[in-house]
C-alpha atoms as a PDB file:
ATOM      1  CA  MET A   1      19.164  10.947   9.387  1.00  0.00           C
ATOM      2  CA  SER A   2      15.581  11.713   8.450  1.00  0.00           C
ATOM      3  CA  ASP A   3      13.278  14.285  10.025  1.00  0.00           C
ATOM      4  CA  TYR A   4      10.266  12.048   9.299  1.00  0.00           C
ATOM      5  CA  ARG A   5       8.216  12.023  12.529  1.00  0.00           C
ATOM      6  CA  LYS A   6       5.445   9.544  11.765  1.00  0.00           C
ATOM      7  CA  PRO A   7       5.517   5.905  12.877  1.00  0.00           C
ATOM      8  CA  LEU A   8       7.221   3.687  10.331  1.00  0.00           C
ATOM      9  CA  PRO A   9       7.041  -0.018   9.572  1.00  0.00           C
ATOM     10  CA  GLU A  10       9.870  -2.247  10.703  1.00  0.00           C
ATOM     11  CA  PRO A  11      10.845  -4.694   7.955  1.00  0.00           C
ATOM     12  CA  THR A  12      11.267  -8.337   8.895  1.00  0.00           C
ATOM     13  CA  PRO A  13      13.039 -11.035   6.885  1.00  0.00           C
ATOM     14  CA  GLU A  14       9.620 -11.992   5.463  1.00  0.00           C
ATOM     15  CA  THR A  15       8.754  -8.425   4.373  1.00  0.00           C
ATOM     16  CA  GLN A  16      12.186  -7.029   3.447  1.00  0.00           C
ATOM     17  CA  HIS A  17      11.694  -7.701  -0.285  1.00  0.00           C
ATOM     18  CA  PHE A  18       8.482  -5.637  -0.229  1.00  0.00           C
ATOM     19  CA  TRP A  19      10.187  -2.643   1.391  1.00  0.00           C
ATOM     20  CA  ASP A  20      13.228  -2.944  -0.896  1.00  0.00           C
ATOM     21  CA  GLY A  21      10.855  -2.902  -3.877  1.00  0.00           C
ATOM     22  CA  CYS A  22       9.042   0.189  -2.594  1.00  0.00           C
ATOM     23  CA  ARG A  23      12.380   1.944  -2.138  1.00  0.00           C
ATOM     24  CA  ASP A  24      13.131   1.114  -5.802  1.00  0.00           C
ATOM     25  CA  GLY A  25       9.720   2.392  -6.973  1.00  0.00           C
ATOM     26  CA  LYS A  26       8.218  -1.084  -7.447  1.00  0.00           C
ATOM     27  CA  LEU A  27       5.160  -2.549  -5.770  1.00  0.00           C
ATOM     28  CA  LEU A  28       6.135  -6.179  -5.185  1.00  0.00           C
ATOM     29  CA  LEU A  29       3.539  -8.816  -4.381  1.00  0.00           C
ATOM     30  CA  GLN A  30       3.755 -12.539  -3.912  1.00  0.00           C
ATOM     31  CA  ARG A  31       1.835 -15.209  -5.785  1.00  0.00           C
ATOM     32  CA  CYS A  32       1.001 -18.801  -4.922  1.00  0.00           C
ATOM     33  CA  LYS A  33       2.509 -20.923  -7.698  1.00  0.00           C
ATOM     34  CA  ASP A  34      -0.097 -23.656  -7.148  1.00  0.00           C
ATOM     35  CA  THR A  35      -3.158 -21.397  -7.568  1.00  0.00           C
ATOM     36  CA  GLY A  36      -1.675 -18.409  -9.419  1.00  0.00           C
ATOM     37  CA  LYS A  37      -3.367 -16.070  -6.900  1.00  0.00           C
ATOM     38  CA  ALA A  38      -1.556 -12.981  -5.620  1.00  0.00           C
ATOM     39  CA  TYR A  39      -1.623 -12.091  -1.941  1.00  0.00           C
ATOM     40  CA  PHE A  40      -0.737  -9.375   0.551  1.00  0.00           C
ATOM     41  CA  PRO A  41       0.734  -8.875   3.139  1.00  0.00           C
ATOM     42  CA  PRO A  42       4.024 -10.619   2.376  1.00  0.00           C
ATOM     43  CA  ARG A  43       4.657 -14.013   3.970  1.00  0.00           C
ATOM     44  CA  PRO A  44       6.779 -17.023   3.026  1.00  0.00           C
ATOM     45  CA  PHE A  45       3.802 -19.332   2.377  1.00  0.00           C
ATOM     46  CA  SER A  46       0.574 -19.229   0.400  1.00  0.00           C
ATOM     47  CA  PRO A  47      -2.515 -18.224   2.389  1.00  0.00           C
ATOM     48  CA  TYR A  48      -4.521 -20.365  -0.058  1.00  0.00           C
ATOM     49  CA  THR A  49      -2.664 -23.692   0.182  1.00  0.00           C
ATOM     50  CA  GLY A  50      -0.037 -23.301   2.919  1.00  0.00           C
ATOM     51  CA  SER A  51       2.620 -24.158   0.333  1.00  0.00           C
ATOM     52  CA  ARG A  52       5.992 -22.448   0.360  1.00  0.00           C
ATOM     53  CA  ASP A  53       6.043 -22.620  -3.436  1.00  0.00           C
ATOM     54  CA  VAL A  54       5.530 -18.870  -3.930  1.00  0.00           C
ATOM     55  CA  GLU A  55       7.097 -16.204  -6.105  1.00  0.00           C
ATOM     56  CA  VAL A  56       7.602 -12.452  -5.941  1.00  0.00           C
ATOM     57  CA  PHE A  57       6.450 -10.334  -8.878  1.00  0.00           C
ATOM     58  CA  GLU A  58       6.032  -6.664  -9.719  1.00  0.00           C
ATOM     59  CA  ALA A  59       2.420  -5.512  -9.521  1.00  0.00           C
ATOM     60  CA  SER A  60       0.937  -3.001 -11.955  1.00  0.00           C
ATOM     61  CA  GLY A  61       0.452  -0.347  -9.267  1.00  0.00           C
ATOM     62  CA  LYS A  62      -3.171   0.047 -10.379  1.00  0.00           C
ATOM     63  CA  ALA A  63      -6.022  -0.257  -7.907  1.00  0.00           C
ATOM     64  CA  LYS A  64      -9.503   0.890  -7.033  1.00  0.00           C
ATOM     65  CA  LEU A  65     -10.833   2.403  -3.839  1.00  0.00           C
ATOM     66  CA  PHE A  66     -12.616  -0.296  -1.848  1.00  0.00           C
ATOM     67  CA  SER A  67     -13.354   1.513   1.437  1.00  0.00           C
ATOM     68  CA  TYR A  68     -12.108   4.431   3.508  1.00  0.00           C
ATOM     69  CA  VAL A  69     -12.562   6.577   6.560  1.00  0.00           C
ATOM     70  CA  ILE A  70     -11.612  10.228   6.793  1.00  0.00           C
ATOM     71  CA  ASN A  71      -9.746  10.875  10.017  1.00  0.00           C
ATOM     72  CA  HIS A  72     -10.333  14.365  11.420  1.00  0.00           C
ATOM     73  CA  ARG A  73      -8.577  13.736  14.747  1.00  0.00           C
ATOM     74  CA  PRO A  74      -4.849  13.679  14.064  1.00  0.00           C
ATOM     75  CA  ALA A  75      -2.677  11.059  15.677  1.00  0.00           C
ATOM     76  CA  LYS A  76       0.818  11.846  16.927  1.00  0.00           C
ATOM     77  CA  GLY A  77       2.994  12.763  13.983  1.00  0.00           C
ATOM     78  CA  PHE A  78       0.010  13.559  11.755  1.00  0.00           C
ATOM     79  CA  GLU A  79      -1.000  16.882  13.351  1.00  0.00           C
ATOM     80  CA  ASP A  80      -0.375  18.873  10.164  1.00  0.00           C
ATOM     81  CA  GLU A  81      -2.276  16.504   7.907  1.00  0.00           C
ATOM     82  CA  ALA A  82      -5.821  16.153   9.242  1.00  0.00           C
ATOM     83  CA  PRO A  83      -8.141  15.400   7.690  1.00  0.00           C
ATOM     84  CA  TYR A  84      -6.640  12.421   5.875  1.00  0.00           C
ATOM     85  CA  ALA A  85      -8.063   9.248   4.370  1.00  0.00           C
ATOM     86  CA  ILE A  86      -7.212   5.827   5.709  1.00  0.00           C
ATOM     87  CA  ALA A  87      -8.209   3.527   2.892  1.00  0.00           C
ATOM     88  CA  VAL A  88      -8.514  -0.074   1.856  1.00  0.00           C
ATOM     89  CA  ILE A  89      -7.704  -0.398  -1.824  1.00  0.00           C
ATOM     90  CA  GLU A  90      -8.086  -3.398  -4.081  1.00  0.00           C
ATOM     91  CA  LEU A  91      -5.089  -3.959  -6.314  1.00  0.00           C
ATOM     92  CA  GLU A  92      -5.633  -4.896  -9.952  1.00  0.00           C
ATOM     93  CA  GLU A  93      -4.035  -8.256  -9.105  1.00  0.00           C
ATOM     94  CA  GLY A  94      -6.694  -8.952  -6.444  1.00  0.00           C
ATOM     95  CA  PRO A  95      -5.249  -8.391  -2.959  1.00  0.00           C
ATOM     96  CA  ARG A  96      -6.453  -5.577  -0.729  1.00  0.00           C
ATOM     97  CA  MET A  97      -4.182  -3.379   1.344  1.00  0.00           C
ATOM     98  CA  MET A  98      -4.483  -0.457   3.745  1.00  0.00           C
ATOM     99  CA  THR A  99      -2.923   2.802   2.645  1.00  0.00           C
ATOM    100  CA  ASN A 100      -3.528   6.520   2.384  1.00  0.00           C
ATOM    101  CA  ILE A 101      -5.074   8.342  -0.548  1.00  0.00           C
ATOM    102  CA  VAL A 102      -3.022  11.370  -1.583  1.00  0.00           C
ATOM    103  CA  ASP A 103      -3.140  14.149  -4.178  1.00  0.00           C
ATOM    104  CA  CYS A 104      -6.882  14.754  -3.867  1.00  0.00           C
ATOM    105  CA  GLU A 105      -9.335  16.403  -1.522  1.00  0.00           C
ATOM    106  CA  GLN A 106     -10.049  14.333   1.571  1.00  0.00           C
ATOM    107  CA  THR A 107     -13.830  14.545   1.261  1.00  0.00           C
ATOM    108  CA  PRO A 108     -16.604  12.044   0.480  1.00  0.00           C
ATOM    109  CA  GLU A 109     -17.255  13.948  -2.754  1.00  0.00           C
ATOM    110  CA  ALA A 110     -13.659  13.380  -3.959  1.00  0.00           C
ATOM    111  CA  LEU A 111     -13.161   9.864  -2.561  1.00  0.00           C
ATOM    112  CA  VAL A 112     -15.567   7.833  -4.651  1.00  0.00           C
ATOM    113  CA  LEU A 113     -15.732   4.079  -4.109  1.00  0.00           C
ATOM    114  CA  ASP A 114     -14.301   2.073  -7.023  1.00  0.00           C
ATOM    115  CA  MET A 115     -12.426   5.134  -8.336  1.00  0.00           C
ATOM    116  CA  PRO A 116      -9.286   4.131 -10.245  1.00  0.00           C
ATOM    117  CA  LEU A 117      -6.046   4.669  -8.339  1.00  0.00           C
ATOM    118  CA  GLU A 118      -2.322   4.364  -8.974  1.00  0.00           C
ATOM    119  CA  VAL A 119       0.565   3.865  -6.594  1.00  0.00           C
ATOM    120  CA  ALA A 120       2.504   6.942  -5.470  1.00  0.00           C
ATOM    121  CA  PHE A 121       5.631   6.219  -3.446  1.00  0.00           C
ATOM    122  CA  GLU A 122       6.533   8.490  -0.519  1.00  0.00           C
ATOM    123  CA  THR A 123      10.143   8.386   0.681  1.00  0.00           C
ATOM    124  CA  ALA A 124      10.179   8.499   4.473  1.00  0.00           C
ATOM    125  CA  THR A 125      13.818   7.560   5.199  1.00  0.00           C
ATOM    126  CA  ASP A 126      16.730   6.075   3.293  1.00  0.00           C
ATOM    127  CA  GLU A 127      15.384   2.628   4.204  1.00  0.00           C
ATOM    128  CA  ILE A 128      11.598   3.079   4.071  1.00  0.00           C
ATOM    129  CA  THR A 129       9.456   4.244   1.173  1.00  0.00           C
ATOM    130  CA  LEU A 130       5.710   4.008   1.685  1.00  0.00           C
ATOM    131  CA  PRO A 131       3.227   2.942  -1.009  1.00  0.00           C
ATOM    132  CA  LYS A 132       0.345   5.393  -1.073  1.00  0.00           C
ATOM    133  CA  PHE A 133      -2.274   5.784  -3.770  1.00  0.00           C
ATOM    134  CA  ARG A 134      -3.641   8.709  -5.775  1.00  0.00           C
ATOM    135  CA  PRO A 135      -6.393   9.093  -8.359  1.00  0.00           C
ATOM    136  CA  ALA A 136      -5.249   7.550 -11.652  1.00  0.00           C
ATOM    137  CA  LYS A 137      -4.229  10.088 -14.274  1.00  0.00           C
ATOM    138  CA  SER A 138      -5.870   8.375 -17.214  1.00  0.00           C
END
């Protein structure tokens, strides 16, 4: 049993592969086989064509900071972490996702739009590992 107190996602049959990948240290996306475009969040059909001809693939884990807000008023379970950034990042493969930026100061001076990021997995429980992002090392 975990002592993780924050709210956690609840995998569904449509998202289970994503969460299994995160647990294994892989950021898994889906791609429309008709257009070749990647998408997020996971779903069993292409948001571009409606086709169910889709495939799962491992993303690079590279991204850039698209937008963010710094939260100074902690929500339940986050009392020890304010301030923290709630960010929208753009993956190298194209899709955008919401996440947190970690391993850097949570200030406008440190969180520069378009800064290169890399995935950093945070184990919450035996079942759930969260994809967060940090400034890229290179």
